[in-house]
Structure formats: structure tokens, C-alpha cells
Amino acid sequence: MKKDLNDIAAIEKAIEKKYGPAAIKNPKSGWTKKKEKKYLEELKNFYAKMDKVKIKRKISEFFYIKEREDKLASDRNCPVCEIYSFRPRDDLYMEKFDCCYKCYINFVEGREERWFSGWRPKT
């Protein structure tokens, strides 16, 4: 169904009357190269902060207290099969065995000693 431009203009005027001129303003109309540069710099700083995975504080010669561990910076790729996963089940195996659940079943289960000694399958 084709709308008449007069109908569209009437709808826009009604929206502007009810919600104000900001409701019909094009979001790109106020965007400048200066704002773009500032936005990209803030984005770069944000991701630089996310890359700080672990911050430790030394309390003695032998002990450290883990102050913060950033979960957003964790790698979701399995180092063995290189599959990206959001499955919570894989988190456990990634922490303990450094592989996803599927690779755990195929290569680790029943052979944990060999796995922890450093053996990995050839890709």
C-alpha cells in the first residue's frame, strides 16, 4: 500500500506536536567529524580497559590478592578446535582444561594426566 506524502507529513506533524521536535529529528543531523573522532577515541579507551584481564595486589613475598578479573575480556574461542561458543557448559571446561566441552569429550576425558602434561591434538 502506497502512502501519500501529505499523509506522512501529517503524521510527522502530529508526532512533533505530541512529543516535540526532537522526536522527528534525524539522528545524523547533529553528527560531525569532531564528534566522530571523540566517539572513536572513547571506544578505543573502553576496549583498552576491557583488555586488563587480571589486576593483582602483592601482600607478601608469596601471596597475591586477586582484585578484579574482567569476564568481558575472556576469550570464547576454543584453542583446540577454534570454535566460538557462548554455551555456559563450555565455560567450565575452558577454565579447567583450556578447551570446549566437545574437545574435552574427544581428547581429554579419561586421559587427563596426558592432557595436563601438555599433550594437544595436531590440527
PDB file of N, CA and C in Angstrom:
ATOM      1  N   MET A   1       0.842  -1.182   0.000  1.00  0.00           N
ATOM      2  CA  MET A   1       0.000   0.000   0.000  1.00  0.00           C
ATOM      3  C   MET A   1       0.888   1.246   0.000  1.00  0.00           C
ATOM      4  N   LYS A   2       0.681   2.108  -0.959  1.00  0.00           N
ATOM      5  CA  LYS A   2       1.490   3.298  -1.117  1.00  0.00           C
ATOM      6  C   LYS A   2       0.874   4.446  -0.323  1.00  0.00           C
ATOM      7  N   LYS A   3       1.704   5.103   0.513  1.00  0.00           N
ATOM      8  CA  LYS A   3       1.221   6.230   1.310  1.00  0.00           C
ATOM      9  C   LYS A   3       1.430   7.534   0.553  1.00  0.00           C
ATOM     10  N   ASP A   4       0.513   8.415   0.722  1.00  0.00           N
ATOM     11  CA  ASP A   4       0.613   9.737   0.140  1.00  0.00           C
ATOM     12  C   ASP A   4       1.576  10.566   0.986  1.00  0.00           C
ATOM     13  N   LEU A   5       2.421  11.384   0.360  1.00  0.00           N
ATOM     14  CA  LEU A   5       3.380  12.210   1.100  1.00  0.00           C
ATOM     15  C   LEU A   5       2.687  13.185   2.039  1.00  0.00           C
ATOM     16  N   ASN A   6       1.485  13.619   1.688  1.00  0.00           N
ATOM     17  CA  ASN A   6       0.731  14.517   2.574  1.00  0.00           C
ATOM     18  C   ASN A   6       0.325  13.780   3.859  1.00  0.00           C
ATOM     19  N   ASP A   7      -0.023  12.495   3.726  1.00  0.00           N
ATOM     20  CA  ASP A   7      -0.372  11.705   4.913  1.00  0.00           C
ATOM     21  C   ASP A   7       0.844  11.541   5.832  1.00  0.00           C
ATOM     22  N   ILE A   8       1.998  11.271   5.233  1.00  0.00           N
ATOM     23  CA  ILE A   8       3.227  11.112   6.011  1.00  0.00           C
ATOM     24  C   ILE A   8       3.569  12.414   6.730  1.00  0.00           C
ATOM     25  N   ALA A   9       3.445  13.561   6.035  1.00  0.00           N
ATOM     26  CA  ALA A   9       3.722  14.855   6.647  1.00  0.00           C
ATOM     27  C   ALA A   9       2.760  15.127   7.794  1.00  0.00           C
ATOM     28  N   ALA A  10       1.509  14.747   7.637  1.00  0.00           N
ATOM     29  CA  ALA A  10       0.514  14.959   8.695  1.00  0.00           C
ATOM     30  C   ALA A  10       0.848  14.121   9.922  1.00  0.00           C
ATOM     31  N   ILE A  11       1.299  12.895   9.684  1.00  0.00           N
ATOM     32  CA  ILE A  11       1.681  12.022  10.802  1.00  0.00           C
ATOM     33  C   ILE A  11       2.898  12.603  11.533  1.00  0.00           C
ATOM     34  N   GLU A  12       3.878  13.087  10.765  1.00  0.00           N
ATOM     35  CA  GLU A  12       5.056  13.693  11.381  1.00  0.00           C
ATOM     36  C   GLU A  12       4.693  14.928  12.190  1.00  0.00           C
ATOM     37  N   LYS A  13       3.787  15.756  11.679  1.00  0.00           N
ATOM     38  CA  LYS A  13       3.350  16.951  12.414  1.00  0.00           C
ATOM     39  C   LYS A  13       2.638  16.560  13.707  1.00  0.00           C
ATOM     40  N   ALA A  14       1.841  15.507  13.653  1.00  0.00           N
ATOM     41  CA  ALA A  14       1.142  15.049  14.866  1.00  0.00           C
ATOM     42  C   ALA A  14       2.137  14.530  15.901  1.00  0.00           C
ATOM     43  N   ILE A  15       3.140  13.807  15.447  1.00  0.00           N
ATOM     44  CA  ILE A  15       4.172  13.300  16.363  1.00  0.00           C
ATOM     45  C   ILE A  15       4.942  14.465  16.972  1.00  0.00           C
ATOM     46  N   GLU A  16       5.296  15.465  16.132  1.00  0.00           N
ATOM     47  CA  GLU A  16       6.031  16.627  16.631  1.00  0.00           C
ATOM     48  C   GLU A  16       5.199  17.406  17.648  1.00  0.00           C
ATOM     49  N   LYS A  17       3.915  17.527  17.401  1.00  0.00           N
ATOM     50  CA  LYS A  17       3.041  18.264  18.313  1.00  0.00           C
ATOM     51  C   LYS A  17       2.947  17.541  19.660  1.00  0.00           C
ATOM     52  N   LYS A  18       2.855  16.197  19.626  1.00  0.00           N
ATOM     53  CA  LYS A  18       2.687  15.433  20.862  1.00  0.00           C
ATOM     54  C   LYS A  18       4.006  15.268  21.625  1.00  0.00           C
ATOM     55  N   TYR A  19       5.118  14.996  20.923  1.00  0.00           N
ATOM     56  CA  TYR A  19       6.379  14.645  21.587  1.00  0.00           C
ATOM     57  C   TYR A  19       7.488  15.688  21.442  1.00  0.00           C
ATOM     58  N   GLY A  20       7.291  16.688  20.607  1.00  0.00           N
ATOM     59  CA  GLY A  20       8.308  17.722  20.438  1.00  0.00           C
ATOM     60  C   GLY A  20       9.139  17.502  19.189  1.00  0.00           C
ATOM     61  N   PRO A  21       9.927  18.514  18.810  1.00  0.00           N
ATOM     62  CA  PRO A  21      10.701  18.434  17.563  1.00  0.00           C
ATOM     63  C   PRO A  21      11.810  17.381  17.587  1.00  0.00           C
ATOM     64  N   ALA A  22      12.284  17.020  18.768  1.00  0.00           N
ATOM     65  CA  ALA A  22      13.359  16.017  18.848  1.00  0.00           C
ATOM     66  C   ALA A  22      12.880  14.638  18.396  1.00  0.00           C
ATOM     67  N   ALA A  23      11.570  14.386  18.444  1.00  0.00           N
ATOM     68  CA  ALA A  23      11.027  13.078  18.080  1.00  0.00           C
ATOM     69  C   ALA A  23      11.105  12.815  16.575  1.00  0.00           C
ATOM     70  N   ILE A  24      11.132  13.848  15.776  1.00  0.00           N
ATOM     71  CA  ILE A  24      11.170  13.630  14.323  1.00  0.00           C
ATOM     72  C   ILE A  24      12.506  14.037  13.705  1.00  0.00           C
ATOM     73  N   LYS A  25      13.435  14.469  14.530  1.00  0.00           N
ATOM     74  CA  LYS A  25      14.738  14.908  14.040  1.00  0.00           C
ATOM     75  C   LYS A  25      15.568  13.706  13.603  1.00  0.00           C
ATOM     76  N   ASN A  26      16.259  13.830  12.488  1.00  0.00           N
ATOM     77  CA  ASN A  26      17.144  12.782  12.000  1.00  0.00           C
ATOM     78  C   ASN A  26      18.367  12.718  12.922  1.00  0.00           C
ATOM     79  N   PRO A  27      18.687  11.546  13.475  1.00  0.00           N
ATOM     80  CA  PRO A  27      19.824  11.438  14.399  1.00  0.00           C
ATOM     81  C   PRO A  27      21.159  11.846  13.774  1.00  0.00           C
ATOM     82  N   LYS A  28      21.313  11.681  12.477  1.00  0.00           N
ATOM     83  CA  LYS A  28      22.573  12.037  11.815  1.00  0.00           C
ATOM     84  C   LYS A  28      22.733  13.545  11.632  1.00  0.00           C
ATOM     85  N   SER A  29      21.684  14.307  11.829  1.00  0.00           N
ATOM     86  CA  SER A  29      21.760  15.736  11.524  1.00  0.00           C
ATOM     87  C   SER A  29      22.725  16.486  12.442  1.00  0.00           C
ATOM     88  N   GLY A  30      22.962  16.015  13.660  1.00  0.00           N
ATOM     89  CA  GLY A  30      23.871  16.695  14.568  1.00  0.00           C
ATOM     90  C   GLY A  30      25.239  16.051  14.660  1.00  0.00           C
ATOM     91  N   TRP A  31      25.517  15.062  13.834  1.00  0.00           N
ATOM     92  CA  TRP A  31      26.785  14.315  13.885  1.00  0.00           C
ATOM     93  C   TRP A  31      27.841  15.031  13.048  1.00  0.00           C
ATOM     94  N   THR A  32      29.017  15.254  13.656  1.00  0.00           N
ATOM     95  CA  THR A  32      30.099  15.939  12.952  1.00  0.00           C
ATOM     96  C   THR A  32      31.360  15.078  12.988  1.00  0.00           C
ATOM     97  N   LYS A  33      32.363  15.489  12.217  1.00  0.00           N
ATOM     98  CA  LYS A  33      33.638  14.762  12.221  1.00  0.00           C
ATOM     99  C   LYS A  33      34.300  14.839  13.592  1.00  0.00           C
ATOM    100  N   LYS A  34      34.128  15.964  14.283  1.00  0.00           N
ATOM    101  CA  LYS A  34      34.686  16.134  15.626  1.00  0.00           C
ATOM    102  C   LYS A  34      34.036  15.148  16.603  1.00  0.00           C
ATOM    103  N   LYS A  35      32.717  15.012  16.516  1.00  0.00           N
ATOM    104  CA  LYS A  35      32.009  14.053  17.375  1.00  0.00           C
ATOM    105  C   LYS A  35      32.405  12.620  17.043  1.00  0.00           C
ATOM    106  N   GLU A  36      32.605  12.349  15.762  1.00  0.00           N
ATOM    107  CA  GLU A  36      33.022  11.013  15.328  1.00  0.00           C
ATOM    108  C   GLU A  36      34.395  10.666  15.907  1.00  0.00           C
ATOM    109  N   LYS A  37      35.320  11.616  15.845  1.00  0.00           N
ATOM    110  CA  LYS A  37      36.667  11.407  16.375  1.00  0.00           C
ATOM    111  C   LYS A  37      36.614  11.162  17.888  1.00  0.00           C
ATOM    112  N   LYS A  38      35.816  11.946  18.597  1.00  0.00           N
ATOM    113  CA  LYS A  38      35.683  11.791  20.051  1.00  0.00           C
ATOM    114  C   LYS A  38      35.071  10.423  20.386  1.00  0.00           C
ATOM    115  N   TYR A  39      34.050  10.030  19.642  1.00  0.00           N
ATOM    116  CA  TYR A  39      33.395   8.735  19.869  1.00  0.00           C
ATOM    117  C   TYR A  39      34.383   7.580  19.658  1.00  0.00           C
ATOM    118  N   LEU A  40      35.163   7.631  18.588  1.00  0.00           N
ATOM    119  CA  LEU A  40      36.128   6.567  18.314  1.00  0.00           C
ATOM    120  C   LEU A  40      37.216   6.504  19.383  1.00  0.00           C
ATOM    121  N   GLU A  41      37.638   7.649  19.900  1.00  0.00           N
ATOM    122  CA  GLU A  41      38.638   7.685  20.974  1.00  0.00           C
ATOM    123  C   GLU A  41      38.072   7.072  22.261  1.00  0.00           C
ATOM    124  N   GLU A  42      36.816   7.410  22.592  1.00  0.00           N
ATOM    125  CA  GLU A  42      36.179   6.831  23.778  1.00  0.00           C
ATOM    126  C   GLU A  42      36.019   5.322  23.627  1.00  0.00           C
ATOM    127  N   LEU A  43      35.680   4.876  22.436  1.00  0.00           N
ATOM    128  CA  LEU A  43      35.531   3.453  22.169  1.00  0.00           C
ATOM    129  C   LEU A  43      36.872   2.733  22.332  1.00  0.00           C
ATOM    130  N   LYS A  44      37.928   3.343  21.828  1.00  0.00           N
ATOM    131  CA  LYS A  44      39.274   2.773  21.956  1.00  0.00           C
ATOM    132  C   LYS A  44      39.674   2.670  23.425  1.00  0.00           C
ATOM    133  N   ASN A  45      39.408   3.712  24.208  1.00  0.00           N
ATOM    134  CA  ASN A  45      39.729   3.700  25.640  1.00  0.00           C
ATOM    135  C   ASN A  45      38.920   2.639  26.384  1.00  0.00           C
ATOM    136  N   PHE A  46      37.656   2.488  26.015  1.00  0.00           N
ATOM    137  CA  PHE A  46      36.801   1.489  26.651  1.00  0.00           C
ATOM    138  C   PHE A  46      37.362   0.081  26.448  1.00  0.00           C
ATOM    139  N   TYR A  47      37.730  -0.249  25.212  1.00  0.00           N
ATOM    140  CA  TYR A  47      38.251  -1.582  24.938  1.00  0.00           C
ATOM    141  C   TYR A  47      39.646  -1.788  25.513  1.00  0.00           C
ATOM    142  N   ALA A  48      40.407  -0.726  25.659  1.00  0.00           N
ATOM    143  CA  ALA A  48      41.715  -0.846  26.303  1.00  0.00           C
ATOM    144  C   ALA A  48      41.539  -1.234  27.768  1.00  0.00           C
ATOM    145  N   LYS A  49      40.525  -0.677  28.426  1.00  0.00           N
ATOM    146  CA  LYS A  49      40.232  -1.046  29.816  1.00  0.00           C
ATOM    147  C   LYS A  49      39.757  -2.490  29.913  1.00  0.00           C
ATOM    148  N   MET A  50      39.003  -2.938  28.925  1.00  0.00           N
ATOM    149  CA  MET A  50      38.482  -4.306  28.951  1.00  0.00           C
ATOM    150  C   MET A  50      39.590  -5.340  28.759  1.00  0.00           C
ATOM    151  N   ASP A  51      40.716  -4.927  28.169  1.00  0.00           N
ATOM    152  CA  ASP A  51      41.822  -5.854  27.938  1.00  0.00           C
ATOM    153  C   ASP A  51      42.615  -6.175  29.201  1.00  0.00           C
ATOM    154  N   LYS A  52      42.417  -5.395  30.239  1.00  0.00           N
ATOM    155  CA  LYS A  52      43.112  -5.661  31.501  1.00  0.00           C
ATOM    156  C   LYS A  52      42.382  -6.802  32.200  1.00  0.00           C
ATOM    157  N   VAL A  53      42.874  -7.994  32.003  1.00  0.00           N
ATOM    158  CA  VAL A  53      42.170  -9.179  32.488  1.00  0.00           C
ATOM    159  C   VAL A  53      42.311  -9.352  33.981  1.00  0.00           C
ATOM    160  N   LYS A  54      43.513  -9.291  34.486  1.00  0.00           N
ATOM    161  CA  LYS A  54      43.719  -9.535  35.904  1.00  0.00           C
ATOM    162  C   LYS A  54      44.581  -8.436  36.501  1.00  0.00           C
ATOM    163  N   ILE A  55      44.152  -7.941  37.621  1.00  0.00           N
ATOM    164  CA  ILE A  55      44.941  -6.986  38.381  1.00  0.00           C
ATOM    165  C   ILE A  55      45.191  -7.634  39.737  1.00  0.00           C
ATOM    166  N   LYS A  56      46.453  -7.771  40.109  1.00  0.00           N
ATOM    167  CA  LYS A  56      46.784  -8.417  41.365  1.00  0.00           C
ATOM    168  C   LYS A  56      47.485  -7.419  42.278  1.00  0.00           C
ATOM    169  N   ARG A  57      47.315  -7.641  43.558  1.00  0.00           N
ATOM    170  CA  ARG A  57      47.988  -6.812  44.536  1.00  0.00           C
ATOM    171  C   ARG A  57      48.851  -7.718  45.408  1.00  0.00           C
ATOM    172  N   LYS A  58      50.104  -7.405  45.489  1.00  0.00           N
ATOM    173  CA  LYS A  58      51.030  -8.220  46.258  1.00  0.00           C
ATOM    174  C   LYS A  58      50.908  -7.844  47.739  1.00  0.00           C
ATOM    175  N   ILE A  59      50.646  -8.846  48.604  1.00  0.00           N
ATOM    176  CA  ILE A  59      50.564  -8.558  50.033  1.00  0.00           C
ATOM    177  C   ILE A  59      51.752  -9.123  50.794  1.00  0.00           C
ATOM    178  N   SER A  60      52.471 -10.030  50.196  1.00  0.00           N
ATOM    179  CA  SER A  60      53.704 -10.522  50.794  1.00  0.00           C
ATOM    180  C   SER A  60      54.561 -11.092  49.679  1.00  0.00           C
ATOM    181  N   GLU A  61      55.647 -11.710  50.046  1.00  0.00           N
ATOM    182  CA  GLU A  61      56.550 -12.259  49.040  1.00  0.00           C
ATOM    183  C   GLU A  61      55.922 -13.415  48.263  1.00  0.00           C
ATOM    184  N   PHE A  62      54.988 -14.132  48.904  1.00  0.00           N
ATOM    185  CA  PHE A  62      54.441 -15.354  48.304  1.00  0.00           C
ATOM    186  C   PHE A  62      52.960 -15.286  47.940  1.00  0.00           C
ATOM    187  N   PHE A  63      52.233 -14.266  48.363  1.00  0.00           N
ATOM    188  CA  PHE A  63      50.795 -14.242  48.169  1.00  0.00           C
ATOM    189  C   PHE A  63      50.351 -13.017  47.379  1.00  0.00           C
ATOM    190  N   TYR A  64      49.332 -13.233  46.551  1.00  0.00           N
ATOM    191  CA  TYR A  64      48.697 -12.163  45.809  1.00  0.00           C
ATOM    192  C   TYR A  64      47.208 -12.211  46.079  1.00  0.00           C
ATOM    193  N   ILE A  65      46.574 -11.049  46.103  1.00  0.00           N
ATOM    194  CA  ILE A  65      45.119 -10.982  46.199  1.00  0.00           C
ATOM    195  C   ILE A  65      44.601 -10.563  44.835  1.00  0.00           C
ATOM    196  N   LYS A  66      43.673 -11.324  44.341  1.00  0.00           N
ATOM    197  CA  LYS A  66      43.079 -11.011  43.049  1.00  0.00           C
ATOM    198  C   LYS A  66      42.032  -9.926  43.296  1.00  0.00           C
ATOM    199  N   GLU A  67      42.268  -8.727  42.773  1.00  0.00           N
ATOM    200  CA  GLU A  67      41.347  -7.621  42.996  1.00  0.00           C
ATOM    201  C   GLU A  67      40.194  -7.626  41.996  1.00  0.00           C
ATOM    202  N   ARG A  68      40.524  -7.925  40.767  1.00  0.00           N
ATOM    203  CA  ARG A  68      39.489  -7.841  39.735  1.00  0.00           C
ATOM    204  C   ARG A  68      39.821  -8.804  38.615  1.00  0.00           C
ATOM    205  N   GLU A  69      38.828  -9.510  38.176  1.00  0.00           N
ATOM    206  CA  GLU A  69      39.007 -10.347  36.998  1.00  0.00           C
ATOM    207  C   GLU A  69      37.907  -9.963  36.029  1.00  0.00           C
ATOM    208  N   ASP A  70      38.301  -9.479  34.900  1.00  0.00           N
ATOM    209  CA  ASP A  70      37.353  -8.956  33.937  1.00  0.00           C
ATOM    210  C   ASP A  70      36.824 -10.077  33.058  1.00  0.00           C
ATOM    211  N   LYS A  71      35.567 -10.449  33.247  1.00  0.00           N
ATOM    212  CA  LYS A  71      34.970 -11.543  32.479  1.00  0.00           C
ATOM    213  C   LYS A  71      34.699 -11.140  31.034  1.00  0.00           C
ATOM    214  N   LEU A  72      34.571  -9.837  30.768  1.00  0.00           N
ATOM    215  CA  LEU A  72      34.293  -9.416  29.395  1.00  0.00           C
ATOM    216  C   LEU A  72      35.471  -9.666  28.465  1.00  0.00           C
ATOM    217  N   ALA A  73      36.665  -9.702  29.031  1.00  0.00           N
ATOM    218  CA  ALA A  73      37.843  -9.873  28.189  1.00  0.00           C
ATOM    219  C   ALA A  73      38.198 -11.342  27.972  1.00  0.00           C
ATOM    220  N   SER A  74      37.405 -12.240  28.540  1.00  0.00           N
ATOM    221  CA  SER A  74      37.742 -13.657  28.397  1.00  0.00           C
ATOM    222  C   SER A  74      37.577 -14.106  26.944  1.00  0.00           C
ATOM    223  N   ASP A  75      38.447 -15.007  26.539  1.00  0.00           N
ATOM    224  CA  ASP A  75      38.433 -15.495  25.163  1.00  0.00           C
ATOM    225  C   ASP A  75      37.420 -16.628  25.059  1.00  0.00           C
ATOM    226  N   ARG A  76      36.535 -16.567  24.101  1.00  0.00           N
ATOM    227  CA  ARG A  76      35.491 -17.566  23.938  1.00  0.00           C
ATOM    228  C   ARG A  76      35.839 -18.572  22.846  1.00  0.00           C
ATOM    229  N   ASN A  77      37.014 -18.480  22.260  1.00  0.00           N
ATOM    230  CA  ASN A  77      37.432 -19.434  21.239  1.00  0.00           C
ATOM    231  C   ASN A  77      38.147 -20.604  21.895  1.00  0.00           C
ATOM    232  N   CYS A  78      37.785 -21.803  21.486  1.00  0.00           N
ATOM    233  CA  CYS A  78      38.476 -22.997  21.972  1.00  0.00           C
ATOM    234  C   CYS A  78      39.839 -23.050  21.287  1.00  0.00           C
ATOM    235  N   PRO A  79      40.935 -23.161  22.050  1.00  0.00           N
ATOM    236  CA  PRO A  79      42.254 -23.205  21.437  1.00  0.00           C
ATOM    237  C   PRO A  79      42.498 -24.468  20.611  1.00  0.00           C
ATOM    238  N   VAL A  80      41.722 -25.523  20.853  1.00  0.00           N
ATOM    239  CA  VAL A  80      41.920 -26.782  20.142  1.00  0.00           C
ATOM    240  C   VAL A  80      41.189 -26.780  18.804  1.00  0.00           C
ATOM    241  N   CYS A  81      39.863 -26.555  18.841  1.00  0.00           N
ATOM    242  CA  CYS A  81      39.080 -26.617  17.599  1.00  0.00           C
ATOM    243  C   CYS A  81      38.773 -25.242  17.013  1.00  0.00           C
ATOM    244  N   GLU A  82      39.089 -24.172  17.750  1.00  0.00           N
ATOM    245  CA  GLU A  82      38.889 -22.792  17.330  1.00  0.00           C
ATOM    246  C   GLU A  82      37.434 -22.437  17.066  1.00  0.00           C
ATOM    247  N   ILE A  83      36.515 -23.102  17.755  1.00  0.00           N
ATOM    248  CA  ILE A  83      35.087 -22.798  17.662  1.00  0.00           C
ATOM    249  C   ILE A  83      34.752 -21.745  18.712  1.00  0.00           C
ATOM    250  N   TYR A  84      33.929 -20.756  18.340  1.00  0.00           N
ATOM    251  CA  TYR A  84      33.490 -19.708  19.257  1.00  0.00           C
ATOM    252  C   TYR A  84      32.208 -20.173  19.926  1.00  0.00           C
ATOM    253  N   SER A  85      32.140 -20.081  21.253  1.00  0.00           N
ATOM    254  CA  SER A  85      30.977 -20.621  21.952  1.00  0.00           C
ATOM    255  C   SER A  85      30.481 -19.680  23.037  1.00  0.00           C
ATOM    256  N   PHE A  86      29.147 -19.587  23.180  1.00  0.00           N
ATOM    257  CA  PHE A  86      28.523 -18.857  24.270  1.00  0.00           C
ATOM    258  C   PHE A  86      27.907 -19.813  25.292  1.00  0.00           C
ATOM    259  N   ARG A  87      28.049 -21.115  25.087  1.00  0.00           N
ATOM    260  CA  ARG A  87      27.415 -22.084  25.971  1.00  0.00           C
ATOM    261  C   ARG A  87      28.058 -22.055  27.356  1.00  0.00           C
ATOM    262  N   PRO A  88      27.237 -21.963  28.404  1.00  0.00           N
ATOM    263  CA  PRO A  88      27.771 -21.939  29.773  1.00  0.00           C
ATOM    264  C   PRO A  88      28.539 -23.220  30.115  1.00  0.00           C
ATOM    265  N   ARG A  89      28.136 -24.339  29.536  1.00  0.00           N
ATOM    266  CA  ARG A  89      28.814 -25.609  29.805  1.00  0.00           C
ATOM    267  C   ARG A  89      30.285 -25.532  29.388  1.00  0.00           C
ATOM    268  N   ASP A  90      30.558 -24.818  28.301  1.00  0.00           N
ATOM    269  CA  ASP A  90      31.931 -24.695  27.825  1.00  0.00           C
ATOM    270  C   ASP A  90      32.807 -23.882  28.774  1.00  0.00           C
ATOM    271  N   ASP A  91      32.191 -22.961  29.536  1.00  0.00           N
ATOM    272  CA  ASP A  91      32.966 -22.136  30.467  1.00  0.00           C
ATOM    273  C   ASP A  91      33.732 -22.989  31.468  1.00  0.00           C
ATOM    274  N   LEU A  92      33.094 -23.996  32.007  1.00  0.00           N
ATOM    275  CA  LEU A  92      33.736 -24.873  32.980  1.00  0.00           C
ATOM    276  C   LEU A  92      34.942 -25.568  32.378  1.00  0.00           C
ATOM    277  N   TYR A  93      34.794 -26.118  31.196  1.00  0.00           N
ATOM    278  CA  TYR A  93      35.878 -26.853  30.553  1.00  0.00           C
ATOM    279  C   TYR A  93      36.980 -25.912  30.065  1.00  0.00           C
ATOM    280  N   MET A  94      36.611 -24.685  29.660  1.00  0.00           N
ATOM    281  CA  MET A  94      37.623 -23.709  29.256  1.00  0.00           C
ATOM    282  C   MET A  94      38.485 -23.311  30.453  1.00  0.00           C
ATOM    283  N   GLU A  95      37.864 -23.177  31.632  1.00  0.00           N
ATOM    284  CA  GLU A  95      38.613 -22.811  32.837  1.00  0.00           C
ATOM    285  C   GLU A  95      39.553 -23.931  33.272  1.00  0.00           C
ATOM    286  N   LYS A  96      39.025 -25.152  33.323  1.00  0.00           N
ATOM    287  CA  LYS A  96      39.795 -26.255  33.892  1.00  0.00           C
ATOM    288  C   LYS A  96      40.736 -26.922  32.886  1.00  0.00           C
ATOM    289  N   PHE A  97      40.269 -27.122  31.652  1.00  0.00           N
ATOM    290  CA  PHE A  97      41.038 -27.895  30.680  1.00  0.00           C
ATOM    291  C   PHE A  97      41.519 -27.079  29.480  1.00  0.00           C
ATOM    292  N   ASP A  98      41.155 -25.808  29.407  1.00  0.00           N
ATOM    293  CA  ASP A  98      41.539 -24.945  28.295  1.00  0.00           C
ATOM    294  C   ASP A  98      41.058 -25.507  26.952  1.00  0.00           C
ATOM    295  N   CYS A  99      39.826 -26.009  26.955  1.00  0.00           N
ATOM    296  CA  CYS A  99      39.187 -26.483  25.723  1.00  0.00           C
ATOM    297  C   CYS A  99      37.674 -26.499  25.939  1.00  0.00           C
ATOM    298  N   CYS A 100      36.902 -26.601  24.865  1.00  0.00           N
ATOM    299  CA  CYS A 100      35.446 -26.649  24.968  1.00  0.00           C
ATOM    300  C   CYS A 100      34.990 -28.047  25.389  1.00  0.00           C
ATOM    301  N   TYR A 101      33.697 -28.188  25.645  1.00  0.00           N
ATOM    302  CA  TYR A 101      33.142 -29.463  26.089  1.00  0.00           C
ATOM    303  C   TYR A 101      33.346 -30.553  25.040  1.00  0.00           C
ATOM    304  N   LYS A 102      33.132 -30.200  23.786  1.00  0.00           N
ATOM    305  CA  LYS A 102      33.280 -31.176  22.697  1.00  0.00           C
ATOM    306  C   LYS A 102      34.709 -31.713  22.634  1.00  0.00           C
ATOM    307  N   CYS A 103      35.688 -30.821  22.740  1.00  0.00           N
ATOM    308  CA  CYS A 103      37.099 -31.255  22.718  1.00  0.00           C
ATOM    309  C   CYS A 103      37.435 -32.041  23.980  1.00  0.00           C
ATOM    310  N   TYR A 104      36.815 -31.676  25.092  1.00  0.00           N
ATOM    311  CA  TYR A 104      37.040 -32.436  26.330  1.00  0.00           C
ATOM    312  C   TYR A 104      36.617 -33.889  26.119  1.00  0.00           C
ATOM    313  N   ILE A 105      35.439 -34.091  25.562  1.00  0.00           N
ATOM    314  CA  ILE A 105      34.924 -35.448  25.324  1.00  0.00           C
ATOM    315  C   ILE A 105      35.838 -36.189  24.345  1.00  0.00           C
ATOM    316  N   ASN A 106      36.264 -35.525  23.266  1.00  0.00           N
ATOM    317  CA  ASN A 106      37.064 -36.186  22.234  1.00  0.00           C
ATOM    318  C   ASN A 106      38.508 -36.451  22.633  1.00  0.00           C
ATOM    319  N   PHE A 107      39.120 -35.524  23.386  1.00  0.00           N
ATOM    320  CA  PHE A 107      40.563 -35.623  23.609  1.00  0.00           C
ATOM    321  C   PHE A 107      41.010 -35.766  25.058  1.00  0.00           C
ATOM    322  N   VAL A 108      40.188 -35.314  26.032  1.00  0.00           N
ATOM    323  CA  VAL A 108      40.663 -35.242  27.414  1.00  0.00           C
ATOM    324  C   VAL A 108      40.086 -36.337  28.302  1.00  0.00           C
ATOM    325  N   GLU A 109      38.798 -36.588  28.190  1.00  0.00           N
ATOM    326  CA  GLU A 109      38.118 -37.499  29.102  1.00  0.00           C
ATOM    327  C   GLU A 109      38.832 -38.850  29.166  1.00  0.00           C
ATOM    328  N   GLY A 110      39.222 -39.220  30.374  1.00  0.00           N
ATOM    329  CA  GLY A 110      39.930 -40.469  30.585  1.00  0.00           C
ATOM    330  C   GLY A 110      41.434 -40.359  30.372  1.00  0.00           C
ATOM    331  N   ARG A 111      41.885 -39.215  29.864  1.00  0.00           N
ATOM    332  CA  ARG A 111      43.313 -39.011  29.596  1.00  0.00           C
ATOM    333  C   ARG A 111      43.780 -37.678  30.187  1.00  0.00           C
ATOM    334  N   GLU A 112      43.248 -37.329  31.354  1.00  0.00           N
ATOM    335  CA  GLU A 112      43.554 -36.039  31.970  1.00  0.00           C
ATOM    336  C   GLU A 112      45.038 -35.870  32.257  1.00  0.00           C
ATOM    337  N   GLU A 113      45.685 -36.935  32.705  1.00  0.00           N
ATOM    338  CA  GLU A 113      47.102 -36.849  33.042  1.00  0.00           C
ATOM    339  C   GLU A 113      47.930 -36.439  31.819  1.00  0.00           C
ATOM    340  N   ARG A 114      47.644 -37.072  30.700  1.00  0.00           N
ATOM    341  CA  ARG A 114      48.349 -36.745  29.460  1.00  0.00           C
ATOM    342  C   ARG A 114      48.055 -35.300  29.049  1.00  0.00           C
ATOM    343  N   TRP A 115      46.802 -34.874  29.199  1.00  0.00           N
ATOM    344  CA  TRP A 115      46.399 -33.518  28.825  1.00  0.00           C
ATOM    345  C   TRP A 115      47.139 -32.480  29.668  1.00  0.00           C
ATOM    346  N   PHE A 116      47.180 -32.708  30.992  1.00  0.00           N
ATOM    347  CA  PHE A 116      47.841 -31.752  31.875  1.00  0.00           C
ATOM    348  C   PHE A 116      49.356 -31.762  31.714  1.00  0.00           C
ATOM    349  N   SER A 117      49.904 -32.823  31.130  1.00  0.00           N
ATOM    350  CA  SER A 117      51.349 -32.849  30.885  1.00  0.00           C
ATOM    351  C   SER A 117      51.721 -32.024  29.652  1.00  0.00           C
ATOM    352  N   GLY A 118      50.697 -31.548  28.893  1.00  0.00           N
ATOM    353  CA  GLY A 118      50.966 -30.664  27.764  1.00  0.00           C
ATOM    354  C   GLY A 118      50.593 -31.220  26.395  1.00  0.00           C
ATOM    355  N   TRP A 119      50.134 -32.458  26.326  1.00  0.00           N
ATOM    356  CA  TRP A 119      49.773 -33.040  25.030  1.00  0.00           C
ATOM    357  C   TRP A 119      48.549 -32.317  24.457  1.00  0.00           C
ATOM    358  N   ARG A 120      48.576 -32.024  23.170  1.00  0.00           N
ATOM    359  CA  ARG A 120      47.437 -31.469  22.447  1.00  0.00           C
ATOM    360  C   ARG A 120      47.338 -32.158  21.102  1.00  0.00           C
ATOM    361  N   PRO A 121      46.123 -32.323  20.562  1.00  0.00           N
ATOM    362  CA  PRO A 121      45.976 -32.975  19.251  1.00  0.00           C
ATOM    363  C   PRO A 121      46.530 -32.089  18.155  1.00  0.00           C
ATOM    364  N   LYS A 122      47.004 -32.713  17.108  1.00  0.00           N
ATOM    365  CA  LYS A 122      47.507 -31.952  15.962  1.00  0.00           C
ATOM    366  C   LYS A 122      46.328 -31.533  15.119  1.00  0.00           C
ATOM    367  N   THR A 123      46.310 -30.250  14.731  1.00  0.00           N
ATOM    368  CA  THR A 123      45.180 -29.730  13.954  1.00  0.00           C
ATOM    369  C   THR A 123      45.406 -29.877  12.479  1.00  0.00           C
TER     370      THR A 123
END
